[in-house]
Protein backbone atom coordinates (compact mmCIF):
# COMPACT_ATOMS: atom_id res chain seq x y z
CA UNK A 1 20.76 -16.61 16.42
CA UNK A 2 20.95 -12.90 17.25
CA UNK A 3 18.02 -10.59 16.85
CA UNK A 4 17.37 -7.10 18.19
CA UNK A 5 16.44 -8.55 21.59
CA UNK A 6 18.29 -11.33 23.41
CA UNK A 7 16.78 -14.76 23.78
CA UNK A 8 17.05 -15.26 27.54
CA UNK A 9 14.85 -15.82 30.56
CA UNK A 10 13.13 -12.48 29.90
CA UNK A 11 12.01 -13.48 26.41
CA UNK A 12 8.61 -14.73 27.58
CA UNK A 13 7.96 -11.36 29.21
CA UNK A 14 8.99 -9.61 25.99
CA UNK A 15 6.63 -11.64 23.81
CA UNK A 16 3.88 -11.24 26.39
CA UNK A 17 4.28 -7.47 26.35
CA UNK A 18 4.36 -7.59 22.54
CA UNK A 19 1.01 -9.37 22.54
CA UNK A 20 -0.53 -6.81 24.90
CA UNK A 21 0.92 -3.99 22.77
CA UNK A 22 -0.70 -5.48 19.66
CA UNK A 23 -4.04 -5.63 21.49
CA UNK A 24 -3.72 -1.94 22.44
CA UNK A 25 -2.89 -1.09 18.84
CA UNK A 26 -5.98 -3.01 17.71
CA UNK A 27 -8.24 -0.95 19.97
CA UNK A 28 -6.67 2.27 18.69
CA UNK A 29 -6.81 1.16 15.04
CA UNK A 30 -10.50 0.31 15.32
CA UNK A 31 -11.22 3.83 16.55
CA UNK A 32 -8.88 5.72 14.22
CA UNK A 33 -9.84 3.84 11.06
CA UNK A 34 -13.44 4.92 11.64
CA UNK A 35 -12.38 8.60 11.62
CA UNK A 36 -12.57 10.80 8.53
CA UNK A 37 -9.25 10.94 6.68
CA UNK A 38 -10.13 14.26 5.01
CA UNK A 39 -11.47 17.23 6.96
CA UNK A 40 -12.33 20.73 5.86
CA UNK A 41 -13.36 19.67 2.34
CA UNK A 42 -16.44 21.27 0.77
CA UNK A 43 -17.29 18.01 -0.99
CA UNK A 44 -20.40 16.64 0.72
CA UNK A 45 -19.12 13.08 0.46
CA UNK A 46 -16.60 13.76 3.23
CA UNK A 47 -19.43 14.53 5.66
CA UNK A 48 -20.06 10.78 5.84
CA UNK A 49 -17.97 8.51 8.03
CA UNK A 50 -15.69 5.88 6.47
CA UNK A 51 -17.95 3.08 7.71
CA UNK A 52 -20.84 4.64 5.76
CA UNK A 53 -18.82 5.09 2.57
CA UNK A 54 -17.88 1.43 2.19
CA UNK A 55 -19.70 -1.88 2.26
CA UNK A 56 -19.02 -4.14 5.22
CA UNK A 57 -16.67 -6.28 3.12
CA UNK A 58 -14.74 -3.30 1.74
CA UNK A 59 -14.44 -1.77 5.21
CA UNK A 60 -13.14 -5.02 6.73
CA UNK A 61 -10.59 -5.40 3.94
CA UNK A 62 -9.27 -1.86 4.45
CA UNK A 63 -9.17 -2.24 8.24
CA UNK A 64 -7.19 -5.47 8.02
CA UNK A 65 -4.65 -3.76 5.75
CA UNK A 66 -4.34 -0.86 8.22
CA UNK A 67 -4.17 -3.04 11.33
CA UNK A 68 -1.77 -5.51 9.72
CA UNK A 69 0.73 -2.83 8.73
CA UNK A 70 0.49 -1.22 12.17
CA UNK A 71 1.16 -4.57 13.83
CA UNK A 72 4.11 -5.18 11.50
CA UNK A 73 5.47 -1.75 12.48
CA UNK A 74 5.18 -2.55 16.20
CA UNK A 75 6.78 -5.97 15.80
CA UNK A 76 9.67 -4.74 13.64
CA UNK A 77 10.49 -1.75 15.85
CA UNK A 78 10.21 -3.89 18.99
CA UNK A 79 12.61 -6.49 17.58
CA UNK A 80 15.12 -3.80 16.72
CA UNK A 81 15.59 -3.05 20.41
CA UNK A 82 16.18 0.30 22.16
CA UNK A 83 19.76 0.77 20.89
CA UNK A 84 18.90 0.29 17.23
CA UNK A 85 15.85 2.53 17.60
CA UNK A 86 18.15 5.31 18.73
CA UNK A 87 20.21 4.78 15.59
CA UNK A 88 17.03 5.33 13.53
CA UNK A 89 16.29 8.58 15.35
CA UNK A 90 13.52 7.18 17.60
CA UNK A 91 14.60 8.27 21.07
CA UNK A 92 13.37 6.35 24.11
CA UNK A 93 14.15 7.02 27.80
CA UNK A 94 17.66 6.01 28.84
CA UNK A 95 18.00 2.59 30.42
CA UNK A 96 14.65 1.34 29.15
CA UNK A 97 14.43 -2.44 29.06
CA UNK A 98 13.77 -4.20 25.79
CA UNK A 99 10.77 -5.83 27.51
CA UNK A 100 9.10 -2.40 27.76
CA UNK A 101 9.87 -1.33 24.18
CA UNK A 102 6.65 -2.83 22.64
CA UNK A 103 4.56 -0.83 25.13
CA UNK A 104 6.47 2.35 24.34
CA UNK A 105 6.06 1.90 20.58
CA UNK A 106 2.35 1.09 20.97
CA UNK A 107 1.71 4.08 23.24
CA UNK A 108 3.47 6.39 20.78
CA UNK A 109 1.42 5.08 17.85
CA UNK A 110 -1.89 5.40 19.70
CA UNK A 111 -0.98 8.88 20.95
CA UNK A 112 -0.77 8.07 24.68
CA UNK A 113 2.85 9.30 24.84
CA UNK A 114 4.45 12.42 23.34
CA UNK A 115 4.29 11.96 19.59
CA UNK A 116 7.26 11.13 17.44
CA UNK A 117 6.73 13.03 14.14
CA UNK A 118 8.06 10.20 12.01
CA UNK A 119 5.85 7.54 13.59
CA UNK A 120 2.73 9.71 13.46
CA UNK A 121 3.35 10.46 9.79
CA UNK A 122 3.63 6.71 9.19
CA UNK A 123 0.31 6.11 10.97
CA UNK A 124 -1.51 8.78 8.96
CA UNK A 125 -0.08 7.51 5.68
CA UNK A 126 -1.06 3.92 6.47
CA UNK A 127 -4.61 4.97 7.42
CA UNK A 128 -5.11 6.97 4.23
CA UNK A 129 -3.70 4.13 2.14
CA UNK A 130 -5.99 1.60 3.86
CA UNK A 131 -8.99 3.85 3.19
CA UNK A 132 -8.04 3.82 -0.47
CA UNK A 133 -7.82 0.02 -0.37
CA UNK A 134 -11.40 0.01 0.98
CA UNK A 135 -12.45 2.35 -1.87
CA UNK A 136 -13.23 5.12 0.62
CA UNK A 137 -14.68 7.36 -0.76
CA UNK A 138 -14.09 6.22 -4.36
CA UNK A 139 -16.85 3.60 -4.42
CA UNK A 140 -19.46 5.99 -3.02
CA UNK A 141 -18.38 8.77 -5.38
CA UNK A 142 -18.49 6.34 -8.33
CA UNK A 143 -22.05 5.32 -7.39
CA UNK A 144 -23.09 8.98 -7.21
CA UNK A 145 -21.52 9.63 -10.61
CA UNK A 146 -23.38 6.66 -12.07
CA UNK A 147 -26.68 7.97 -10.69
CA UNK A 148 -26.00 11.45 -12.04
CA UNK A 149 -25.19 10.09 -15.50
CA UNK A 150 -28.05 7.56 -15.59
CA UNK A 151 -31.28 8.17 -17.44
CA UNK A 152 -34.35 8.47 -15.25
CA UNK A 153 -37.65 6.62 -15.52
CA UNK A 154 -40.45 8.96 -14.45
CA UNK A 155 -43.27 6.49 -15.13
CA UNK A 156 -43.79 5.62 -11.45
CA UNK A 157 -44.09 9.30 -10.50
CA UNK A 158 -47.13 10.08 -12.63
CA UNK A 159 -50.81 9.89 -11.76
CA UNK A 160 -51.70 10.49 -8.11
CA UNK A 161 -48.04 10.98 -7.16
CA UNK A 162 -48.02 14.27 -9.08
CA UNK A 163 -50.54 15.67 -6.57
CA UNK A 164 -48.33 15.01 -3.53
CA UNK A 165 -46.74 18.03 -1.78
CA UNK A 166 -43.21 16.94 -2.72
CA UNK A 167 -44.08 17.13 -6.43
CA UNK A 168 -45.39 20.71 -6.26
CA UNK A 169 -44.07 22.73 -9.20
CA UNK A 170 -43.55 19.72 -11.49
CA UNK A 171 -45.22 19.72 -14.89
CA UNK A 172 -45.77 16.34 -16.63
CA UNK A 173 -43.98 17.81 -19.65
CA UNK A 174 -40.83 18.11 -17.51
CA UNK A 175 -40.42 14.33 -17.69
CA UNK A 176 -39.56 14.57 -21.40
CA UNK A 177 -37.35 17.64 -21.22
CA UNK A 178 -33.73 17.33 -22.43
CA UNK A 179 -31.02 16.52 -19.91
CA UNK A 180 -29.16 19.50 -18.43
CA UNK A 181 -32.37 21.54 -18.65
CA UNK A 182 -33.57 23.16 -15.45
CA UNK A 183 -37.01 21.53 -15.82
CA UNK A 184 -35.50 18.03 -16.06
CA UNK A 185 -33.24 18.53 -13.02
CA UNK A 186 -36.15 19.99 -11.03
CA UNK A 187 -38.40 17.03 -11.87
CA UNK A 188 -35.68 14.57 -10.88
CA UNK A 189 -35.06 16.39 -7.57
CA UNK A 190 -38.78 16.40 -6.70
CA UNK A 191 -39.08 12.68 -7.49
CA UNK A 192 -36.12 11.75 -5.29
CA UNK A 193 -37.35 13.96 -2.45
CA UNK A 194 -40.73 12.24 -2.71
CA UNK A 195 -39.36 8.70 -2.76
CA UNK A 196 -36.87 9.11 0.08
CA UNK A 197 -39.47 10.82 2.24
CA UNK A 198 -41.96 8.04 1.53
CA UNK A 199 -39.38 5.43 2.51
CA UNK A 200 -38.63 7.21 5.78
CA UNK A 201 -42.20 8.04 6.74
CA UNK A 202 -43.61 4.60 5.89
CA UNK A 203 -40.51 2.74 7.12
CA UNK A 204 -40.03 1.15 3.69
CA UNK A 205 -36.31 0.48 4.10
CA UNK A 206 -35.99 -3.04 2.75
CA UNK A 207 -33.38 -1.86 0.25
CA UNK A 208 -32.00 1.11 2.23
CA UNK A 209 -29.84 1.19 5.35
CA UNK A 210 -32.17 2.69 7.96
CA UNK A 211 -29.38 3.73 10.33
CA UNK A 212 -27.73 5.91 7.69
CA UNK A 213 -31.03 7.61 6.89
CA UNK A 214 -31.53 8.29 10.60
CA UNK A 215 -28.00 9.66 11.00
CA UNK A 216 -28.52 12.11 8.14
CA UNK A 217 -32.19 12.87 8.76
CA UNK A 218 -31.38 16.55 9.31
CA UNK A 219 -29.59 16.70 5.95
CA UNK A 220 -32.56 15.13 4.20
CA UNK A 221 -34.96 17.53 5.94
CA UNK A 222 -32.74 20.44 4.87
CA UNK A 223 -32.89 19.27 1.24
CA UNK A 224 -36.68 19.18 1.48
CA UNK A 225 -36.74 22.69 2.96
CA UNK A 226 -34.52 24.03 0.21
CA UNK A 227 -36.71 22.32 -2.36
CA UNK A 228 -39.79 24.10 -0.95
CA UNK A 229 -37.93 27.43 -0.98
CA UNK A 230 -37.07 26.94 -4.66
CA UNK A 231 -40.65 26.28 -5.80
CA UNK A 232 -41.42 29.97 -6.31
CA UNK A 233 -38.08 30.52 -8.08
CA UNK A 234 -38.77 27.64 -10.46
CA UNK A 235 -42.23 29.03 -11.24
CA UNK A 236 -40.70 32.45 -11.93
CA UNK A 237 -38.05 30.87 -14.13
CA UNK A 238 -40.75 29.10 -16.19
CA UNK A 239 -42.51 32.42 -16.84
CA UNK A 240 -39.23 34.14 -17.71
CA UNK A 241 -38.29 31.30 -20.06
CA UNK A 242 -41.67 31.53 -21.82
CA UNK A 243 -41.11 35.26 -22.41
CA UNK A 244 -37.42 34.98 -23.29
CA UNK A 245 -36.16 31.73 -24.90
CA UNK A 246 -32.57 32.70 -23.99
CA UNK A 247 -33.29 33.12 -20.27
CA UNK A 248 -31.15 31.11 -17.85
CA UNK A 249 -30.83 31.03 -14.08
CA UNK A 250 -27.47 29.41 -13.38
CA UNK A 251 -27.63 30.00 -9.62
CA UNK A 252 -30.97 28.20 -9.30
CA UNK A 253 -29.83 25.36 -11.48
CA UNK A 254 -26.61 24.92 -9.47
CA UNK A 255 -28.59 24.80 -6.22
CA UNK A 256 -30.80 22.07 -7.68
CA UNK A 257 -27.80 20.08 -8.82
CA UNK A 258 -26.04 20.45 -5.45
CA UNK A 259 -29.08 18.98 -3.70
CA UNK A 260 -29.28 16.21 -6.28
CA UNK A 261 -25.62 15.35 -5.62
CA UNK A 262 -26.32 15.02 -1.88
CA UNK A 263 -29.28 12.74 -2.58
CA UNK A 264 -27.14 10.63 -4.92
CA UNK A 265 -24.54 10.21 -2.17
CA UNK A 266 -27.04 9.35 0.56
CA UNK A 267 -29.22 7.02 -1.51
CA UNK A 268 -26.23 5.30 -3.09
CA UNK A 269 -24.52 4.70 0.27
CA UNK A 270 -27.79 3.55 1.88
CA UNK A 271 -28.29 0.96 -0.87
CA UNK A 272 -24.67 -0.22 -0.79
CA UNK A 273 -24.72 -0.68 3.00
CA UNK A 274 -27.96 -2.65 2.90
CA UNK A 275 -26.97 -4.93 0.03
CA UNK A 276 -25.48 -8.37 0.57
CA UNK A 277 -22.05 -9.13 -0.94
CA UNK A 278 -23.41 -10.68 -4.16
CA UNK A 279 -26.48 -8.47 -4.59
CA UNK A 280 -26.80 -6.27 -7.67
CA UNK A 281 -27.27 -2.74 -6.33
CA UNK A 282 -28.45 -1.63 -9.78
CA UNK A 283 -31.70 -3.52 -9.19
CA UNK A 284 -32.22 -1.79 -5.86
CA UNK A 285 -31.55 1.63 -7.37
CA UNK A 286 -33.83 0.95 -10.32
CA UNK A 287 -36.88 1.07 -8.06
CA UNK A 288 -36.19 4.79 -7.52
CA UNK A 289 -36.21 5.40 -11.28
CA UNK A 290 -32.53 5.13 -12.24
CA UNK A 291 -31.82 3.34 -15.52
CA UNK A 292 -28.39 1.84 -14.98
CA UNK A 293 -26.33 -0.38 -17.24
CA UNK A 294 -25.55 -3.51 -15.28
CA UNK A 295 -21.79 -3.72 -14.95
CA UNK A 296 -20.27 -7.18 -15.29
CA UNK A 297 -17.66 -7.71 -12.60
CA UNK A 298 -15.04 -10.38 -12.54
CA UNK A 299 -14.72 -12.84 -9.67
CA UNK A 300 -13.13 -11.62 -6.47
CA UNK A 301 -9.71 -13.27 -6.19
CA UNK A 302 -8.83 -11.61 -2.90
CA UNK A 303 -5.84 -9.39 -2.34
CA UNK A 304 -3.38 -9.88 -5.18
CA UNK A 305 -0.37 -8.77 -3.19
CA UNK A 306 -1.13 -10.91 -0.13
CA UNK A 307 -1.77 -14.09 -2.10
CA UNK A 308 1.21 -13.52 -4.39
CA UNK A 309 3.64 -12.85 -1.54
CA UNK A 310 2.34 -15.79 0.49
CA UNK A 311 2.93 -18.10 -2.48
CA UNK A 312 6.40 -16.66 -3.02
CA UNK A 313 7.31 -17.16 0.66
CA UNK A 314 6.24 -20.81 0.50
CA UNK A 315 8.21 -21.38 -2.70
CA UNK A 316 11.38 -19.81 -1.29
CA UNK A 317 11.20 -21.87 1.91
CA UNK A 318 10.55 -25.07 -0.07
CA UNK A 319 13.54 -24.48 -2.36
CA UNK A 320 15.71 -23.71 0.67
CA UNK A 321 14.71 -26.93 2.39
CA UNK A 322 15.36 -28.89 -0.80
CA UNK A 323 18.77 -27.24 -1.15
CA UNK A 324 19.60 -28.11 2.47
CA UNK A 325 18.77 -31.76 1.89
CA UNK A 326 20.75 -31.81 -1.36
CA UNK A 327 23.76 -30.31 0.40
CA UNK A 328 23.84 -33.22 2.84
CA UNK A 329 24.00 -35.77 0.01
CA UNK A 330 27.67 -34.92 -0.50
CA UNK A 331 27.65 -34.28 -4.25
CA UNK A 332 30.06 -31.34 -3.79
CA UNK A 333 32.02 -29.54 -1.12
CA UNK A 334 29.40 -27.29 0.42
CA UNK A 335 30.50 -23.70 1.05
CA UNK A 336 30.08 -22.28 4.57
CA UNK A 337 27.25 -19.95 3.43
CA UNK A 338 25.15 -22.69 1.82
CA UNK A 339 22.06 -23.67 3.92
CA UNK A 340 23.12 -26.47 6.26
CA UNK A 341 20.41 -26.53 8.96
CA UNK A 342 16.66 -26.97 8.69
CA UNK A 343 16.08 -23.58 10.32
CA UNK A 344 18.30 -21.60 7.94
CA UNK A 345 15.98 -21.77 4.86
CA UNK A 346 13.25 -19.94 6.79
CA UNK A 347 15.62 -17.12 7.77
CA UNK A 348 16.81 -16.94 4.15
CA UNK A 349 13.20 -16.96 2.90
CA UNK A 350 12.37 -13.94 5.05
CA UNK A 351 15.47 -12.08 3.86
CA UNK A 352 14.72 -12.93 0.21
CA UNK A 353 11.09 -11.88 0.55
CA UNK A 354 11.92 -8.43 1.99
CA UNK A 355 12.97 -6.66 -1.27
CA UNK A 356 10.21 -8.28 -3.34
CA UNK A 357 7.45 -7.49 -0.82
CA UNK A 358 8.66 -3.92 -0.37
CA UNK A 359 8.80 -3.38 -4.12
CA UNK A 360 5.24 -4.63 -4.66
CA UNK A 361 3.86 -2.42 -1.88
CA UNK A 362 5.69 0.70 -3.07
CA UNK A 363 4.86 0.10 -6.74
CA UNK A 364 1.19 -0.35 -5.89
CA UNK A 365 1.11 2.92 -3.91
CA UNK A 366 2.90 4.90 -6.65
CA UNK A 367 0.69 3.53 -9.40
CA UNK A 368 -2.57 4.01 -7.50
CA UNK A 369 -1.67 7.61 -6.65
CA UNK A 370 -0.80 8.45 -10.27
CA UNK A 371 -3.91 6.70 -11.64
CA UNK A 372 -6.13 8.65 -9.25
CA UNK A 373 -4.53 11.89 -10.46
CA UNK A 374 -5.05 10.86 -14.09
CA UNK A 375 -1.33 11.11 -14.88
CA UNK A 376 -0.38 7.45 -15.20
CA UNK A 377 -1.57 6.25 -18.62
CA UNK A 378 -0.69 7.71 -21.99
CA UNK A 379 -3.37 7.91 -24.66
CA UNK A 380 -3.36 7.14 -28.34
CA UNK A 381 -6.69 8.09 -29.88
CA UNK A 382 -9.37 6.37 -27.82
CA UNK A 383 -6.96 3.78 -26.40
CA UNK A 384 -4.98 4.05 -23.17
CA UNK A 385 -1.49 2.60 -23.13
CA UNK A 386 1.26 2.10 -20.60
CA UNK A 387 4.15 4.52 -20.29
CA UNK A 388 7.63 2.99 -20.15
CA UNK A 389 8.95 5.99 -18.25
CA UNK A 390 6.56 5.11 -15.41
CA UNK A 391 8.10 1.67 -15.04
CA UNK A 392 11.59 3.15 -14.87
CA UNK A 393 10.53 5.63 -12.18
CA UNK A 394 8.79 2.89 -10.22
CA UNK A 395 11.84 0.62 -10.49
CA UNK A 396 14.17 3.35 -9.19
CA UNK A 397 11.96 4.23 -6.23
CA UNK A 398 11.42 0.54 -5.43
CA UNK A 399 15.17 0.02 -5.50
CA UNK A 400 15.66 2.71 -2.87
CA UNK A 401 12.76 1.43 -0.77
CA UNK A 402 13.99 -2.15 -1.05
CA UNK A 403 17.46 -1.11 0.07
CA UNK A 404 16.06 0.67 3.14
CA UNK A 405 13.90 -2.37 3.97
CA UNK A 406 16.94 -4.66 3.73
CA UNK A 407 18.88 -2.38 6.07
CA UNK A 408 16.04 -2.50 8.59
CA UNK A 409 15.88 -6.27 8.27
CA UNK A 410 19.62 -6.45 8.86
CA UNK A 411 19.25 -4.47 12.06
CA UNK A 412 17.14 -7.30 13.48
CA UNK A 413 20.10 -9.63 12.95
CA UNK A 414 23.04 -7.54 14.14
CA UNK A 415 24.20 -4.03 14.94
CA UNK A 416 24.55 -1.70 11.93
CA UNK A 417 27.95 -1.59 10.22
CA UNK A 418 29.35 0.19 7.18
CA UNK A 419 29.99 -3.18 5.52
CA UNK A 420 26.38 -4.20 6.10
CA UNK A 421 25.16 -1.05 4.33
CA UNK A 422 27.46 -1.86 1.42
CA UNK A 423 26.37 -5.51 1.17
CA UNK A 424 22.71 -4.63 0.62
CA UNK A 425 23.28 -2.29 -2.34
CA UNK A 426 23.35 -5.03 -5.04
CA UNK A 427 20.17 -6.62 -3.65
CA UNK A 428 18.25 -3.44 -4.48
CA UNK A 429 18.27 -4.74 -8.07
CA UNK A 430 15.72 -7.38 -7.04
CA UNK A 431 13.32 -4.73 -5.75
CA UNK A 432 13.77 -2.72 -8.96
CA UNK A 433 12.90 -5.70 -11.16
CA UNK A 434 9.88 -6.78 -9.13
CA UNK A 435 8.45 -3.26 -8.78
CA UNK A 436 8.78 -2.45 -12.47
CA UNK A 437 7.19 -5.71 -13.61
CA UNK A 438 4.37 -5.40 -11.06
CA UNK A 439 3.28 -2.02 -12.49
CA UNK A 440 3.74 -3.37 -16.04
CA UNK A 441 1.49 -6.38 -15.41
CA UNK A 442 -1.26 -4.31 -13.76
CA UNK A 443 -1.27 -1.83 -16.66
CA UNK A 444 -1.58 -4.57 -19.26
CA UNK A 445 -4.41 -6.23 -17.33
CA UNK A 446 -6.34 -2.96 -16.88
CA UNK A 447 -6.17 -1.79 -20.49
CA UNK A 448 -6.78 -5.31 -21.81
CA UNK A 449 -3.58 -5.54 -23.86
CA UNK A 450 -1.62 -8.33 -22.22
CA UNK A 451 1.32 -9.74 -24.21
CA UNK A 452 1.73 -13.44 -24.91
CA UNK A 453 1.90 -15.73 -21.90
CA UNK A 454 5.40 -16.81 -22.86
CA UNK A 455 6.59 -13.20 -22.78
CA UNK A 456 4.92 -12.51 -19.42
CA UNK A 457 6.55 -15.52 -17.81
CA UNK A 458 9.88 -15.48 -19.61
CA UNK A 459 10.75 -11.80 -19.29
CA UNK A 460 10.29 -11.53 -15.54
CA UNK A 461 11.83 -14.94 -14.87
CA UNK A 462 15.00 -14.10 -16.80
CA UNK A 463 15.36 -10.52 -15.53
CA UNK A 464 14.73 -11.42 -11.87
CA UNK A 465 17.05 -14.42 -12.09
CA UNK A 466 19.83 -12.30 -13.63
CA UNK A 467 19.37 -9.63 -10.95
CA UNK A 468 19.65 -12.33 -8.30
CA UNK A 469 22.80 -13.67 -9.95
CA UNK A 470 24.43 -10.24 -10.15
CA UNK A 471 23.45 -9.38 -6.57
CA UNK A 472 24.78 -12.68 -5.20
CA UNK A 473 28.08 -12.39 -7.08
CA UNK A 474 28.61 -8.84 -5.87
CA UNK A 475 27.66 -9.69 -2.28
CA UNK A 476 29.99 -12.63 -1.87
CA UNK A 477 32.75 -10.83 -3.76
CA UNK A 478 32.60 -8.20 -1.03
CA UNK A 479 32.46 -10.78 1.78
CA UNK A 480 35.11 -13.28 0.62
CA UNK A 481 37.07 -11.23 -1.89
CA UNK A 482 36.19 -13.85 -4.50
CA UNK A 483 32.75 -14.88 -5.65
CA UNK A 484 34.01 -18.40 -6.45
CA UNK A 485 34.19 -19.15 -2.72
CA UNK A 486 30.37 -19.23 -2.63
CA UNK A 487 29.52 -20.67 -6.05
CA UNK A 488 26.82 -23.00 -4.73
CA UNK A 489 25.12 -20.21 -2.79
CA UNK A 490 25.27 -17.92 -5.85
CA UNK A 491 23.61 -20.56 -8.05
CA UNK A 492 20.94 -21.18 -5.40
CA UNK A 493 20.22 -17.44 -5.07
CA UNK A 494 19.89 -17.01 -8.84
CA UNK A 495 17.59 -20.05 -9.06
CA UNK A 496 15.40 -18.93 -6.16
CA UNK A 497 14.94 -15.44 -7.60
CA UNK A 498 14.22 -16.80 -11.05
CA UNK A 499 11.48 -18.98 -9.55
CA UNK A 500 10.17 -15.97 -7.62
CA UNK A 501 9.98 -14.00 -10.86
CA UNK A 502 8.19 -16.88 -12.57
CA UNK A 503 5.67 -17.23 -9.72
CA UNK A 504 4.86 -13.51 -9.69
CA UNK A 505 4.56 -13.37 -13.48
CA UNK A 506 2.30 -16.41 -13.46
CA UNK A 507 -0.08 -15.11 -10.76
CA UNK A 508 -0.22 -11.29 -10.84
CA UNK A 509 -1.33 -10.66 -14.46
CA UNK A 510 -4.10 -13.26 -14.32
CA UNK A 511 -5.33 -12.18 -10.88
CA UNK A 512 -5.27 -8.52 -11.91
CA UNK A 513 -7.25 -9.26 -15.06
CA UNK A 514 -9.88 -11.14 -13.06
CA UNK A 515 -10.13 -8.77 -10.09
CA UNK A 516 -12.58 -5.91 -9.79
CA UNK A 517 -11.41 -2.69 -11.46
CA UNK A 518 -11.35 0.70 -9.79
CA UNK A 519 -14.97 1.83 -9.16
CA UNK A 520 -14.30 5.29 -10.61
CA UNK A 521 -12.94 3.67 -13.77
CA UNK A 522 -16.10 1.52 -13.90
CA UNK A 523 -18.27 4.63 -13.72
CA UNK A 524 -16.22 6.35 -16.42
CA UNK A 525 -16.49 3.39 -18.79
CA UNK A 526 -20.22 3.12 -18.12
CA UNK A 527 -20.70 6.77 -19.14
CA UNK A 528 -18.80 6.16 -22.37
CA UNK A 529 -20.92 3.09 -23.14
CA UNK A 530 -24.14 5.01 -22.48
CA UNK A 531 -23.01 7.88 -24.69
CA UNK A 532 -22.00 5.50 -27.49
CA UNK A 533 -25.40 3.78 -27.32
CA UNK A 534 -27.23 7.11 -27.49
CA UNK A 535 -25.05 8.26 -30.39
CA UNK A 536 -25.71 5.11 -32.43
CA UNK A 537 -29.43 5.44 -31.79
CA UNK A 538 -29.41 9.06 -33.02
CA UNK A 539 -26.78 9.04 -35.78
CA UNK A 540 -26.32 5.46 -36.89
CA UNK A 541 -23.29 3.20 -36.34
CA UNK A 542 -20.74 4.72 -38.73
CA UNK A 543 -21.63 8.36 -38.08
CA UNK A 544 -21.71 7.72 -34.33
CA UNK A 545 -18.16 6.37 -34.25
CA UNK A 546 -16.89 9.38 -36.15
CA UNK A 547 -18.80 11.78 -33.89
CA UNK A 548 -17.54 10.14 -30.69
CA UNK A 549 -13.90 10.70 -31.66
CA UNK A 550 -14.18 14.17 -33.24
CA UNK A 551 -13.30 17.17 -31.00
CA UNK A 552 -16.23 19.57 -30.55
CA UNK A 553 -16.00 23.29 -29.59
CA UNK A 554 -18.91 22.94 -27.15
CA UNK A 555 -16.87 20.35 -25.22
CA UNK A 556 -13.74 22.46 -24.94
CA UNK A 557 -12.33 20.98 -28.16
CA UNK A 558 -12.50 17.51 -26.66
CA UNK A 559 -13.95 14.46 -28.35
CA UNK A 560 -17.33 13.44 -26.85
CA UNK A 561 -15.87 10.09 -25.81
CA UNK A 562 -13.06 11.81 -23.89
CA UNK A 563 -15.39 14.39 -22.32
CA UNK A 564 -17.79 11.68 -21.11
CA UNK A 565 -14.96 9.63 -19.63
CA UNK A 566 -13.57 12.65 -17.75
CA UNK A 567 -16.58 13.54 -15.57
CA UNK A 568 -20.37 13.66 -15.34
CA UNK A 569 -20.56 17.25 -16.60
CA UNK A 570 -18.70 16.29 -19.76
CA UNK A 571 -21.07 13.39 -20.26
CA UNK A 572 -24.15 15.58 -19.87
CA UNK A 573 -22.78 18.22 -22.26
CA UNK A 574 -22.19 15.49 -24.84
CA UNK A 575 -25.69 14.10 -24.30
CA UNK A 576 -27.03 17.63 -24.69
CA UNK A 577 -25.40 17.87 -28.11
CA UNK A 578 -27.09 14.64 -29.17
CA UNK A 579 -30.45 15.86 -27.95
CA UNK A 580 -30.09 19.17 -29.83
CA UNK A 581 -30.60 19.78 -33.54
CA UNK A 582 -29.20 16.98 -35.68
CA UNK A 583 -26.88 19.36 -37.56
CA UNK A 584 -25.33 20.51 -34.26
CA UNK A 585 -24.99 16.96 -32.95
CA UNK A 586 -23.31 15.69 -36.10
């Protein structure tokens, strides 16, 4: 067996240095993953550190994804050896021993040596992607959006609480003012300032993470100071409003809302950090006055990609071992490329897994990026639907990525050759099929419109098996000049890939349907449900459904349902219409 480094008396030193390099990368990853991935943003949420924006479980999941991909990068580049690294454009000092290569790669990645632009770009991309996997900062932003959209229960802030200094300037009538009114926002701000200050002063942090409150004590004190400075402005605004019903003070109202947003971020993160994995944070937030709709979450099935790929690897190796045993029975004249040793199926399993694993990773990144930008799904009325053009684009990009991954895998086996580049072209079909179906299954699971089980299993099984058949025929046609010289290997390849397609189609749609959706999508759907409930209460069932789907000029000619799903401001404008005169609302 030939790999990028020779197997000789120095091999133990190589694997020892590889282990030390992985340990160095771990220390660097632990430090870098804790750093902010976005700097210079005016959004207050990016003032918090990644560890404060995710629960302990989410943070660990993201870190493992980041560390695992960094380790895979070190191992792959180390196995390529110094000569092959030069072919890829990664220049190392002349005469460097392959034993030292893991250290060199590790030191470049952790920044101890002069940076290689390509490697540093890979590190930054992997860190940002891992933060996304940990829902940083999506989960914290979604919680803040839920708090902003939630109704507020002022009952616990009446009586003696109204006479506390933090409630100065609040009139009891403010508790019943319409949403989006300055009086309502001011009352909510005063209540939250009062409750967070009480928790800090009296050390009542049973449901709040005390360390986060201490870290951002200056921010909380600044919010209190700004609240005190606004008391006279609010009083002046009340007088002006009494004299002029059309009076508004947009600057004052925006300042109030900015401080509310900061409190939503800090309180939401403090509750999420304190909660245990299976705790309902809605109950903890309810004690501050937030009326939240309890979201029903599906069971956590772990990482879909990791479980799916692990199952596929086991299946491929098992089929290879079975084929090896069958070949020794003597039922036919075994071709020279058919598995004949016990070790060969494991090498073949790794080579077969490369295009499928690459396709799933790339498809997931493309889809997640487009979903976050709001450009992935098409819409038909109130329903989202998948876009076939997306699957074609994903398949093409996955094909290119799968081809590059196969070339890199080939470099671990032998030096690069023109024939080797040509042999891997047909195998890109496998990456195209897997990537396209992966995005297709996730879309169907998310929008709740999965096809029949027979179609899910049959379509991917047949397409992936045919791609494997075509790729195998083309490959051995190039090698032997006639595909018939490797008929048994071609049949085995087609069978293995068909089973891979079946396994992925069996697992991914069901796991995706049962896994937790994107937290921002959860918050968006919760706003729509709250708006629909309020509309039915005000207008009745039939009239509410018509109103929810009818574009309104006050919402920028958007339907209330669409405006509420888009952002919190759209939701509050729609709620404001419902709380206005009935003729305007309807």
